[in-house]
PDB file of all heavy atoms in Angstrom:
ATOM      1  N   ALA A   1    -109.108-169.629  61.666  1.00  0.00           N
ATOM      2  CA  ALA A   1    -109.134-169.344  60.230  1.00  0.00           C
ATOM      3  C   ALA A   1    -108.642-170.557  59.448  1.00  0.00           C
ATOM      4  O   ALA A   1    -107.782-171.309  59.907  1.00  0.00           O
ATOM      5  CB  ALA A   1    -108.267-168.133  59.911  1.00  0.00           C
ATOM      6  N   LYS A   2    -109.187-170.745  58.240  1.00  0.00           N
ATOM      7  CA  LYS A   2    -108.814-171.866  57.386  1.00  0.00           C
ATOM      8  C   LYS A   2    -108.019-171.374  56.182  1.00  0.00           C
ATOM      9  O   LYS A   2    -108.328-170.323  55.615  1.00  0.00           O
ATOM     10  CB  LYS A   2    -110.062-172.606  56.910  1.00  0.00           C
ATOM     11  CG  LYS A   2    -110.868-173.240  58.041  1.00  0.00           C
ATOM     12  CD  LYS A   2    -112.109-173.938  57.503  1.00  0.00           C
ATOM     13  CE  LYS A   2    -112.902-174.588  58.632  1.00  0.00           C
ATOM     14  NZ  LYS A   2    -114.131-175.261  58.132  1.00  0.00           N
ATOM     15  N   GLU A   3    -107.006-172.141  55.824  1.00  0.00           N
ATOM     16  CA  GLU A   3    -106.201-171.748  54.666  1.00  0.00           C
ATOM     17  C   GLU A   3    -107.035-171.820  53.394  1.00  0.00           C
ATOM     18  O   GLU A   3    -107.803-172.757  53.191  1.00  0.00           O
ATOM     19  CB  GLU A   3    -104.973-172.656  54.538  1.00  0.00           C
ATOM     20  CG  GLU A   3    -104.026-172.202  53.445  1.00  0.00           C
ATOM     21  CD  GLU A   3    -102.768-173.054  53.360  1.00  0.00           C
ATOM     22  OE1 GLU A   3    -102.854-174.153  52.753  1.00  0.00           O
ATOM     23  OE2 GLU A   3    -101.734-172.642  53.908  1.00  0.00           O
ATOM     24  N   ALA A   4    -106.880-170.833  52.539  1.00  0.00           N
ATOM     25  CA  ALA A   4    -107.597-170.774  51.267  1.00  0.00           C
ATOM     26  C   ALA A   4    -106.611-170.434  50.167  1.00  0.00           C
ATOM     27  O   ALA A   4    -105.782-169.533  50.320  1.00  0.00           O
ATOM     28  CB  ALA A   4    -108.708-169.728  51.325  1.00  0.00           C
ATOM     29  N   ALA A   5    -106.706-171.153  49.052  1.00  0.00           N
ATOM     30  CA  ALA A   5    -105.784-170.910  47.938  1.00  0.00           C
ATOM     31  C   ALA A   5    -106.541-170.940  46.622  1.00  0.00           C
ATOM     32  O   ALA A   5    -107.473-171.737  46.435  1.00  0.00           O
ATOM     33  CB  ALA A   5    -104.673-171.958  47.923  1.00  0.00           C
ATOM     34  N   LEU A   6    -106.146-170.040  45.738  1.00  0.00           N
ATOM     35  CA  LEU A   6    -106.668-170.024  44.374  1.00  0.00           C
ATOM     36  C   LEU A   6    -105.594-169.473  43.450  1.00  0.00           C
ATOM     37  O   LEU A   6    -104.631-168.845  43.894  1.00  0.00           O
ATOM     38  CB  LEU A   6    -107.955-169.192  44.272  1.00  0.00           C
ATOM     39  CG  LEU A   6    -107.915-167.681  44.603  1.00  0.00           C
ATOM     40  CD1 LEU A   6    -107.307-166.836  43.485  1.00  0.00           C
ATOM     41  CD2 LEU A   6    -109.325-167.192  44.902  1.00  0.00           C
ATOM     42  N   SER A   7    -105.768-169.712  42.175  1.00  0.00           N
ATOM     43  CA  SER A   7    -104.908-169.087  41.170  1.00  0.00           C
ATOM     44  C   SER A   7    -105.797-168.349  40.185  1.00  0.00           C
ATOM     45  O   SER A   7    -106.943-168.736  39.948  1.00  0.00           O
ATOM     46  CB  SER A   7    -104.051-170.123  40.445  1.00  0.00           C
ATOM     47  OG  SER A   7    -104.864-171.087  39.803  1.00  0.00           O
ATOM     48  N   TYR A   8    -105.276-167.251  39.638  1.00  0.00           N
ATOM     49  CA  TYR A   8    -106.043-166.487  38.658  1.00  0.00           C
ATOM     50  C   TYR A   8    -105.128-166.058  37.526  1.00  0.00           C
ATOM     51  O   TYR A   8    -103.906-166.030  37.658  1.00  0.00           O
ATOM     52  CB  TYR A   8    -106.684-165.249  39.308  1.00  0.00           C
ATOM     53  CG  TYR A   8    -105.693-164.139  39.593  1.00  0.00           C
ATOM     54  CD1 TYR A   8    -105.306-163.237  38.593  1.00  0.00           C
ATOM     55  CD2 TYR A   8    -105.128-163.996  40.853  1.00  0.00           C
ATOM     56  CE1 TYR A   8    -104.370-162.240  38.842  1.00  0.00           C
ATOM     57  CE2 TYR A   8    -104.196-163.003  41.111  1.00  0.00           C
ATOM     58  CZ  TYR A   8    -103.817-162.131  40.097  1.00  0.00           C
ATOM     59  OH  TYR A   8    -102.890-161.146  40.337  1.00  0.00           O
ATOM     60  N   ARG A   9    -105.757-165.711  36.415  1.00  0.00           N
ATOM     61  CA  ARG A   9    -105.043-165.040  35.341  1.00  0.00           C
ATOM     62  C   ARG A   9    -106.019-164.094  34.651  1.00  0.00           C
ATOM     63  O   ARG A   9    -107.217-164.384  34.557  1.00  0.00           O
ATOM     64  CB  ARG A   9    -104.449-166.037  34.335  1.00  0.00           C
ATOM     65  CG  ARG A   9    -105.451-166.874  33.567  1.00  0.00           C
ATOM     66  CD  ARG A   9    -104.756-167.940  32.728  1.00  0.00           C
ATOM     67  NE  ARG A   9    -105.718-168.699  31.939  1.00  0.00           N
ATOM     68  CZ  ARG A   9    -105.947-168.511  30.638  1.00  0.00           C
ATOM     69  NH1 ARG A   9    -105.259-167.583  29.979  1.00  0.00           N
ATOM     70  NH2 ARG A   9    -106.830-169.240  29.986  1.00  0.00           N
ATOM     71  N   VAL A  10    -105.522-162.956  34.220  1.00  0.00           N
ATOM     72  CA  VAL A  10    -106.350-161.991  33.504  1.00  0.00           C
ATOM     73  C   VAL A  10    -106.467-162.442  32.058  1.00  0.00           C
ATOM     74  O   VAL A  10    -105.455-162.657  31.379  1.00  0.00           O
ATOM     75  CB  VAL A  10    -105.734-160.582  33.577  1.00  0.00           C
ATOM     76  CG1 VAL A  10    -106.612-159.581  32.819  1.00  0.00           C
ATOM     77  CG2 VAL A  10    -105.561-160.134  35.026  1.00  0.00           C
ATOM     78  N   ILE A  11    -107.702-162.615  31.586  1.00  0.00           N
ATOM     79  CA  ILE A  11    -107.894-163.123  30.222  1.00  0.00           C
ATOM     80  C   ILE A  11    -108.603-162.117  29.321  1.00  0.00           C
ATOM     81  O   ILE A  11    -108.806-162.387  28.133  1.00  0.00           O
ATOM     82  CB  ILE A  11    -108.671-164.457  30.218  1.00  0.00           C
ATOM     83  CG1 ILE A  11    -110.048-164.310  30.858  1.00  0.00           C
ATOM     84  CG2 ILE A  11    -107.864-165.550  30.910  1.00  0.00           C
ATOM     85  CD1 ILE A  11    -110.927-165.550  30.703  1.00  0.00           C
ATOM     86  N   GLY A  12    -108.995-160.952  29.861  1.00  0.00           N
ATOM     87  CA  GLY A  12    -109.660-159.979  29.015  1.00  0.00           C
ATOM     88  C   GLY A  12    -109.744-158.612  29.655  1.00  0.00           C
ATOM     89  O   GLY A  12    -109.633-158.470  30.877  1.00  0.00           O
ATOM     90  N   HIS A  13    -109.919-157.601  28.818  1.00  0.00           N
ATOM     91  CA  HIS A  13    -110.072-156.218  29.277  1.00  0.00           C
ATOM     92  C   HIS A  13    -111.173-155.555  28.471  1.00  0.00           C
ATOM     93  O   HIS A  13    -111.384-155.880  27.304  1.00  0.00           O
ATOM     94  CB  HIS A  13    -108.782-155.425  29.081  1.00  0.00           C
ATOM     95  CG  HIS A  13    -107.592-155.989  29.784  1.00  0.00           C
ATOM     96  ND1 HIS A  13    -107.320-155.732  31.115  1.00  0.00           N
ATOM     97  CD2 HIS A  13    -106.597-156.799  29.341  1.00  0.00           C
ATOM     98  CE1 HIS A  13    -106.203-156.361  31.453  1.00  0.00           C
ATOM     99  NE2 HIS A  13    -105.751-157.018  30.400  1.00  0.00           N
ATOM    100  N   SER A  14    -111.860-154.609  29.103  1.00  0.00           N
ATOM    101  CA  SER A  14    -112.729-153.684  28.377  1.00  0.00           C
ATOM    102  C   SER A  14    -112.246-152.283  28.717  1.00  0.00           C
ATOM    103  O   SER A  14    -111.177-152.102  29.304  1.00  0.00           O
ATOM    104  CB  SER A  14    -114.192-153.893  28.781  1.00  0.00           C
ATOM    105  OG  SER A  14    -114.429-153.372  30.079  1.00  0.00           O
ATOM    106  N   ASP A  15    -113.038-151.279  28.360  1.00  0.00           N
ATOM    107  CA  ASP A  15    -112.637-149.909  28.665  1.00  0.00           C
ATOM    108  C   ASP A  15    -112.479-149.682  30.164  1.00  0.00           C
ATOM    109  O   ASP A  15    -111.606-148.940  30.597  1.00  0.00           O
ATOM    110  CB  ASP A  15    -113.677-148.917  28.122  1.00  0.00           C
ATOM    111  CG  ASP A  15    -113.807-149.006  26.604  1.00  0.00           C
ATOM    112  OD1 ASP A  15    -112.847-149.463  25.958  1.00  0.00           O
ATOM    113  OD2 ASP A  15    -114.873-148.623  26.072  1.00  0.00           O
ATOM    114  N   ARG A  16    -113.363-150.335  30.947  1.00  0.00           N
ATOM    115  CA  ARG A  16    -113.373-150.070  32.396  1.00  0.00           C
ATOM    116  C   ARG A  16    -113.256-151.308  33.275  1.00  0.00           C
ATOM    117  O   ARG A  16    -113.135-151.179  34.501  1.00  0.00           O
ATOM    118  CB  ARG A  16    -114.671-149.340  32.766  1.00  0.00           C
ATOM    119  CG  ARG A  16    -114.794-147.929  32.212  1.00  0.00           C
ATOM    120  CD  ARG A  16    -116.126-147.323  32.597  1.00  0.00           C
ATOM    121  NE  ARG A  16    -117.247-148.025  31.953  1.00  0.00           N
ATOM    122  CZ  ARG A  16    -118.505-147.919  32.331  1.00  0.00           C
ATOM    123  NH1 ARG A  16    -118.832-147.171  33.378  1.00  0.00           N
ATOM    124  NH2 ARG A  16    -119.460-148.568  31.680  1.00  0.00           N
ATOM    125  N   TYR A  17    -113.284-152.481  32.675  1.00  0.00           N
ATOM    126  CA  TYR A  17    -113.328-153.702  33.477  1.00  0.00           C
ATOM    127  C   TYR A  17    -112.290-154.715  33.011  1.00  0.00           C
ATOM    128  O   TYR A  17    -111.718-154.590  31.923  1.00  0.00           O
ATOM    129  CB  TYR A  17    -114.733-154.331  33.407  1.00  0.00           C
ATOM    130  CG  TYR A  17    -115.824-153.434  33.935  1.00  0.00           C
ATOM    131  CD1 TYR A  17    -116.666-152.742  33.061  1.00  0.00           C
ATOM    132  CD2 TYR A  17    -115.997-153.275  35.289  1.00  0.00           C
ATOM    133  CE1 TYR A  17    -117.672-151.918  33.544  1.00  0.00           C
ATOM    134  CE2 TYR A  17    -117.004-152.444  35.788  1.00  0.00           C
ATOM    135  CZ  TYR A  17    -117.835-151.768  34.911  1.00  0.00           C
ATOM    136  OH  TYR A  17    -118.809-150.949  35.395  1.00  0.00           O
ATOM    137  N   HIS A  18    -112.112-155.731  33.849  1.00  0.00           N
ATOM    138  CA  HIS A  18    -111.110-156.762  33.584  1.00  0.00           C
ATOM    139  C   HIS A  18    -111.733-158.128  33.858  1.00  0.00           C
ATOM    140  O   HIS A  18    -112.477-158.299  34.830  1.00  0.00           O
ATOM    141  CB  HIS A  18    -109.886-156.537  34.471  1.00  0.00           C
ATOM    142  CG  HIS A  18    -109.385-155.128  34.412  1.00  0.00           C
ATOM    143  ND1 HIS A  18    -108.525-154.687  33.441  1.00  0.00           N
ATOM    144  CD2 HIS A  18    -109.701-154.042  35.173  1.00  0.00           C
ATOM    145  CE1 HIS A  18    -108.290-153.393  33.613  1.00  0.00           C
ATOM    146  NE2 HIS A  18    -108.994-152.979  34.655  1.00  0.00           N
ATOM    147  N   LEU A  19    -111.457-159.080  32.994  1.00  0.00           N
ATOM    148  CA  LEU A  19    -112.005-160.435  33.113  1.00  0.00           C
ATOM    149  C   LEU A  19    -110.920-161.365  33.620  1.00  0.00           C
ATOM    150  O   LEU A  19    -109.855-161.485  33.012  1.00  0.00           O
ATOM    151  CB  LEU A  19    -112.521-160.913  31.755  1.00  0.00           C
ATOM    152  CG  LEU A  19    -113.135-162.320  31.711  1.00  0.00           C
ATOM    153  CD1 LEU A  19    -114.393-162.391  32.576  1.00  0.00           C
ATOM    154  CD2 LEU A  19    -113.458-162.718  30.269  1.00  0.00           C
ATOM    155  N   LEU A  20    -111.193-162.021  34.750  1.00  0.00           N
ATOM    156  CA  LEU A  20    -110.241-162.932  35.356  1.00  0.00           C
ATOM    157  C   LEU A  20    -110.774-164.361  35.304  1.00  0.00           C
ATOM    158  O   LEU A  20    -111.972-164.595  35.537  1.00  0.00           O
ATOM    159  CB  LEU A  20    -109.996-162.571  36.832  1.00  0.00           C
ATOM    160  CG  LEU A  20    -109.017-161.445  37.159  1.00  0.00           C
ATOM    161  CD1 LEU A  20    -109.455-160.118  36.542  1.00  0.00           C
ATOM    162  CD2 LEU A  20    -108.865-161.299  38.668  1.00  0.00           C
ATOM    163  N   GLU A  21    -109.884-165.296  35.006  1.00  0.00           N
ATOM    164  CA  GLU A  21    -110.204-166.715  35.123  1.00  0.00           C
ATOM    165  C   GLU A  21    -109.608-167.211  36.428  1.00  0.00           C
ATOM    166  O   GLU A  21    -108.425-166.990  36.699  1.00  0.00           O
ATOM    167  CB  GLU A  21    -109.621-167.485  33.945  1.00  0.00           C
ATOM    168  CG  GLU A  21    -109.976-168.965  33.953  1.00  0.00           C
ATOM    169  CD  GLU A  21    -109.484-169.667  32.696  1.00  0.00           C
ATOM    170  OE1 GLU A  21    -108.309-170.089  32.693  1.00  0.00           O
ATOM    171  OE2 GLU A  21    -110.256-169.750  31.727  1.00  0.00           O
ATOM    172  N   VAL A  22    -110.424-167.865  37.241  1.00  0.00           N
ATOM    173  CA  VAL A  22    -110.026-168.260  38.590  1.00  0.00           C
ATOM    174  C   VAL A  22    -110.188-169.764  38.754  1.00  0.00           C
ATOM    175  O   VAL A  22    -111.234-170.326  38.405  1.00  0.00           O
ATOM    176  CB  VAL A  22    -110.872-167.528  39.655  1.00  0.00           C
ATOM    177  CG1 VAL A  22    -110.460-167.964  41.056  1.00  0.00           C
ATOM    178  CG2 VAL A  22    -110.742-166.018  39.503  1.00  0.00           C
ATOM    179  N   ASN A  23    -109.168-170.402  39.301  1.00  0.00           N
ATOM    180  CA  ASN A  23    -109.234-171.821  39.639  1.00  0.00           C
ATOM    181  C   ASN A  23    -109.045-171.989  41.143  1.00  0.00           C
ATOM    182  O   ASN A  23    -108.047-171.534  41.710  1.00  0.00           O
ATOM    183  CB  ASN A  23    -108.163-172.610  38.881  1.00  0.00           C
ATOM    184  CG  ASN A  23    -108.490-172.744  37.408  1.00  0.00           C
ATOM    185  OD1 ASN A  23    -109.465-173.386  37.035  1.00  0.00           O
ATOM    186  ND2 ASN A  23    -107.686-172.113  36.561  1.00  0.00           N
ATOM    187  N   LEU A  24    -110.025-172.624  41.765  1.00  0.00           N
ATOM    188  CA  LEU A  24    -109.984-172.839  43.212  1.00  0.00           C
ATOM    189  C   LEU A  24    -109.159-174.065  43.581  1.00  0.00           C
ATOM    190  O   LEU A  24    -109.264-175.103  42.926  1.00  0.00           O
ATOM    191  CB  LEU A  24    -111.396-173.028  43.759  1.00  0.00           C
ATOM    192  CG  LEU A  24    -112.280-171.789  43.891  1.00  0.00           C
ATOM    193  CD1 LEU A  24    -113.665-172.203  44.350  1.00  0.00           C
ATOM    194  CD2 LEU A  24    -111.681-170.807  44.862  1.00  0.00           C
ATOM    195  N   GLU A  25    -108.380-173.941  44.627  1.00  0.00           N
ATOM    196  CA  GLU A  25    -107.700-175.101  45.211  1.00  0.00           C
ATOM    197  C   GLU A  25    -108.411-175.561  46.482  1.00  0.00           C
ATOM    198  O   GLU A  25    -108.274-176.718  46.889  1.00  0.00           O
ATOM    199  CB  GLU A  25    -106.253-174.749  45.518  1.00  0.00           C
ATOM    200  CG  GLU A  25    -105.426-174.398  44.284  1.00  0.00           C
ATOM    201  CD  GLU A  25    -104.001-174.028  44.628  1.00  0.00           C
ATOM    202  OE1 GLU A  25    -103.499-174.497  45.675  1.00  0.00           O
ATOM    203  OE2 GLU A  25    -103.392-173.256  43.865  1.00  0.00           O
ATOM    204  N   THR A  26    -109.132-174.649  47.123  1.00  0.00           N
ATOM    205  CA  THR A  26    -109.910-174.970  48.322  1.00  0.00           C
ATOM    206  C   THR A  26    -111.315-174.412  48.122  1.00  0.00           C
ATOM    207  O   THR A  26    -111.563-173.667  47.186  1.00  0.00           O
ATOM    208  CB  THR A  26    -109.280-174.345  49.580  1.00  0.00           C
ATOM    209  OG1 THR A  26    -109.119-172.934  49.367  1.00  0.00           O
ATOM    210  CG2 THR A  26    -107.920-174.960  49.876  1.00  0.00           C
ATOM    211  N   GLY A  27    -112.216-174.765  49.008  1.00  0.00           N
ATOM    212  CA  GLY A  27    -113.599-174.320  48.858  1.00  0.00           C
ATOM    213  C   GLY A  27    -114.114-173.649  50.115  1.00  0.00           C
ATOM    214  O   GLY A  27    -114.947-174.208  50.821  1.00  0.00           O
ATOM    215  N   ARG A  28    -113.613-172.468  50.414  1.00  0.00           N
ATOM    216  CA  ARG A  28    -114.041-171.730  51.606  1.00  0.00           C
ATOM    217  C   ARG A  28    -115.217-170.803  51.284  1.00  0.00           C
ATOM    218  O   ARG A  28    -115.417-170.414  50.128  1.00  0.00           O
ATOM    219  CB  ARG A  28    -112.886-170.904  52.175  1.00  0.00           C
ATOM    220  CG  ARG A  28    -111.600-171.670  52.379  1.00  0.00           C
ATOM    221  CD  ARG A  28    -111.782-172.899  53.237  1.00  0.00           C
ATOM    222  NE  ARG A  28    -110.505-173.583  53.437  1.00  0.00           N
ATOM    223  CZ  ARG A  28    -110.378-174.846  53.807  1.00  0.00           C
ATOM    224  NH1 ARG A  28    -111.465-175.580  54.007  1.00  0.00           N
ATOM    225  NH2 ARG A  28    -109.187-175.378  53.984  1.00  0.00           N
ATOM    226  N   LYS A  29    -115.950-170.421  52.309  1.00  0.00           N
ATOM    227  CA  LYS A  29    -117.118-169.566  52.112  1.00  0.00           C
ATOM    228  C   LYS A  29    -116.711-168.207  51.539  1.00  0.00           C
ATOM    229  O   LYS A  29    -115.832-167.532  52.090  1.00  0.00           O
ATOM    230  CB  LYS A  29    -117.850-169.377  53.442  1.00  0.00           C
ATOM    231  CG  LYS A  29    -119.160-168.621  53.289  1.00  0.00           C
ATOM    232  CD  LYS A  29    -119.965-168.667  54.573  1.00  0.00           C
ATOM    233  CE  LYS A  29    -121.327-168.008  54.388  1.00  0.00           C
ATOM    234  NZ  LYS A  29    -122.169-168.117  55.585  1.00  0.00           N
ATOM    235  N   HIS A  30    -117.343-167.826  50.441  1.00  0.00           N
ATOM    236  CA  HIS A  30    -117.090-166.539  49.769  1.00  0.00           C
ATOM    237  C   HIS A  30    -115.617-166.382  49.367  1.00  0.00           C
ATOM    238  O   HIS A  30    -115.120-165.262  49.258  1.00  0.00           O
ATOM    239  CB  HIS A  30    -117.498-165.366  50.672  1.00  0.00           C
ATOM    240  CG  HIS A  30    -118.948-165.319  51.016  1.00  0.00           C
ATOM    241  ND1 HIS A  30    -119.493-164.367  51.855  1.00  0.00           N
ATOM    242  CD2 HIS A  30    -119.998-166.106  50.630  1.00  0.00           C
ATOM    243  CE1 HIS A  30    -120.802-164.568  51.989  1.00  0.00           C
ATOM    244  NE2 HIS A  30    -121.124-165.623  51.244  1.00  0.00           N
ATOM    245  N   GLN A  31    -114.943-167.501  49.122  1.00  0.00           N
ATOM    246  CA  GLN A  31    -113.490-167.456  48.951  1.00  0.00           C
ATOM    247  C   GLN A  31    -113.028-166.536  47.826  1.00  0.00           C
ATOM    248  O   GLN A  31    -112.160-165.678  48.029  1.00  0.00           O
ATOM    249  CB  GLN A  31    -112.941-168.867  48.707  1.00  0.00           C
ATOM    250  CG  GLN A  31    -111.426-168.878  48.525  1.00  0.00           C
ATOM    251  CD  GLN A  31    -110.861-170.255  48.301  1.00  0.00           C
ATOM    252  OE1 GLN A  31    -111.460-171.246  48.702  1.00  0.00           O
ATOM    253  NE2 GLN A  31    -109.709-170.332  47.652  1.00  0.00           N
TER     254      GLN A  31
END
């Protein structure tokens, strides 16, 4: 297995969903 890292923050909401902003630190398949 390969180490995978990312950071996220929630930047929006709707009635049923949530919008996340994601920044990758690594580039793994389907990370």
